[in-house]
Protein backbone atom coordinates (compact mmCIF):
# COMPACT_ATOMS: atom_id res chain seq x y z
CA MET A 1 23.78 77.53 20.15
CA PRO A 2 27.18 79.22 20.64
CA LYS A 3 29.06 81.19 18.00
CA TYR A 4 32.62 80.12 17.23
CA THR A 5 35.34 81.72 15.12
CA TYR A 6 36.96 79.54 12.47
CA LYS A 7 40.09 80.30 10.43
CA CYS A 8 40.84 78.70 7.07
CA SER A 9 44.25 77.03 6.85
CA LYS A 10 44.38 77.65 3.09
CA CYS A 11 43.09 81.19 2.41
CA GLU A 12 43.34 82.40 6.07
CA ILE A 13 39.95 84.11 6.23
CA LYS A 14 38.09 84.18 9.53
CA GLU A 15 34.37 83.46 9.78
CA GLN A 16 31.98 83.04 12.67
CA PHE A 17 29.45 80.22 12.70
CA TYR A 18 26.76 79.06 15.09
CA CYS A 19 27.41 75.38 15.81
CA ILE A 20 27.56 72.83 18.60
CA SER A 21 30.70 72.71 20.74
CA THR A 22 31.90 69.34 19.40
CA VAL A 23 32.55 70.72 15.88
CA LYS A 24 36.30 71.42 15.66
CA THR A 25 36.65 71.86 11.88
CA THR A 26 34.39 72.88 9.04
CA GLU A 27 34.60 73.53 5.30
CA CYS A 28 35.66 76.98 4.09
CA PRO A 29 32.88 78.69 2.11
CA MET A 30 35.43 80.50 -0.10
CA CYS A 31 38.08 77.94 -1.09
CA LYS A 32 36.56 74.70 0.27
CA GLY A 33 39.62 74.22 2.48
CA VAL A 34 39.62 73.16 6.13
CA MET A 35 38.67 75.78 8.73
CA ASN A 36 39.87 75.17 12.30
CA ARG A 37 38.09 76.53 15.35
CA GLN A 38 40.05 79.29 17.09
CA MET A 39 40.49 79.68 20.82
CA PRO A 40 38.57 82.62 22.27
CA ASN A 41 40.57 85.82 22.74
CA LEU A 42 39.82 86.82 26.32
CA ALA A 43 42.10 89.86 26.25
CA GLY A 44 40.60 91.25 23.07
CA SER A 45 39.17 94.60 22.21
CA SER A 46 36.47 96.06 24.45
CA ASP A 47 34.73 97.78 21.51
CA VAL A 48 31.31 96.52 20.54
CA SER A 49 31.67 95.31 16.98
CA GLU A 50 28.67 93.03 16.50
CA THR A 51 26.05 94.16 14.02
CA VAL A 52 23.00 95.12 16.04
CA ASP A 53 20.44 95.30 13.27
CA LYS A 54 20.91 92.82 10.44
CA TYR A 55 18.47 94.68 8.18
CA THR A 56 20.05 98.13 8.36
CA ASN A 57 23.60 96.90 9.13
CA ILE A 58 24.03 99.52 11.88
CA GLN A 59 27.05 98.88 14.09
CA HIS A 60 27.41 100.43 17.52
CA LYS A 61 30.99 101.03 18.55
CA ASN A 62 32.33 103.87 20.70
CA ASP A 63 29.11 105.91 20.51
CA HIS A 64 26.99 103.11 21.97
CA GLY A 65 26.87 104.85 25.37
CA LYS A 66 25.50 108.01 23.76
CA ILE A 67 22.86 106.02 21.88
CA MET A 68 21.73 104.24 25.06
CA LYS A 69 21.59 107.54 26.98
CA ALA A 70 19.40 109.06 24.25
CA ARG A 71 17.11 105.99 24.30
CA LYS A 72 16.74 106.21 28.08
CA GLN A 73 15.90 109.89 27.87
CA GLU A 74 13.38 109.24 25.08
CA TYR A 75 11.77 106.46 27.14
CA TYR A 76 11.61 108.70 30.19
CA TRP A 77 9.73 111.46 28.36
CA THR A 78 7.43 109.26 26.26
CA VAL A 79 6.53 106.62 28.88
CA GLU A 80 7.49 107.60 32.43
CA VAL A 81 6.45 111.28 32.40
CA PRO A 82 2.89 110.59 31.14
CA ARG A 83 2.59 107.81 33.74
CA MET A 84 3.75 110.11 36.57
CA VAL A 85 1.35 112.85 35.51
CA ALA A 86 -1.57 110.41 35.14
CA THR A 87 -1.12 108.92 38.62
CA GLY A 88 -1.64 112.30 40.29
CA THR A 89 1.09 111.60 42.85
CA TYR A 90 2.92 114.85 42.19
CA THR A 91 1.68 118.36 42.76
CA MET A 92 1.01 120.78 39.93
CA GLU A 93 4.00 122.89 41.00
CA THR A 94 6.36 119.89 40.89
CA MET A 95 5.15 118.88 37.43
CA LEU A 96 5.58 122.45 36.14
CA GLU A 97 9.07 122.79 37.68
CA ASN A 98 10.23 119.53 36.09
CA GLY A 99 8.74 120.48 32.72
CA TRP A 100 6.41 117.47 32.62
CA ILE A 101 3.36 119.58 31.78
CA TYR A 102 2.67 122.95 30.19
CA PHE A 103 -0.32 125.18 29.56
CA ASP A 104 -1.13 126.55 26.11
CA ASP A 105 -2.74 129.91 25.21
CA LYS A 106 -6.21 128.48 25.86
CA LYS A 107 -5.16 127.53 29.43
CA GLU A 108 -5.36 123.83 28.57
CA MET A 109 -2.89 121.50 30.24
CA HIS A 110 -0.70 119.30 28.01
CA ILE A 111 1.73 116.57 28.95
CA GLN A 112 5.25 117.09 27.63
CA ASP A 113 6.11 113.91 25.71
CA LYS A 114 9.37 115.00 24.10
CA PRO A 115 12.79 115.37 25.69
CA PRO A 116 13.98 118.98 26.08
CA HIS A 117 16.46 118.63 23.17
CA ARG A 118 13.65 117.65 20.76
CA ARG A 119 11.13 120.38 21.56
């Protein structure tokens, strides 16, 4: 079901509601006036302003690219690196050069599961 923006003709607040496309007006939750559906603004802001997590109310705006880059890097080190090491496709030298594995004082091999910035 699509989300439409409605504006009250009495108190002029704007609200977004999920409703079918045939609904042109609705009742204002604040003043009980008539809310008219607005035309979409196609030349609007390019910032992401939707609430991503309704429980924590976290909004991602300009730093969304940084957040996604950090998530990709976290995924790479926690999922992809252990998978690459486990397949045995790469040589020991390659895995050591890329920092995927390391050896402790007891000469035991460990898989690096944290990105370099979190070690």
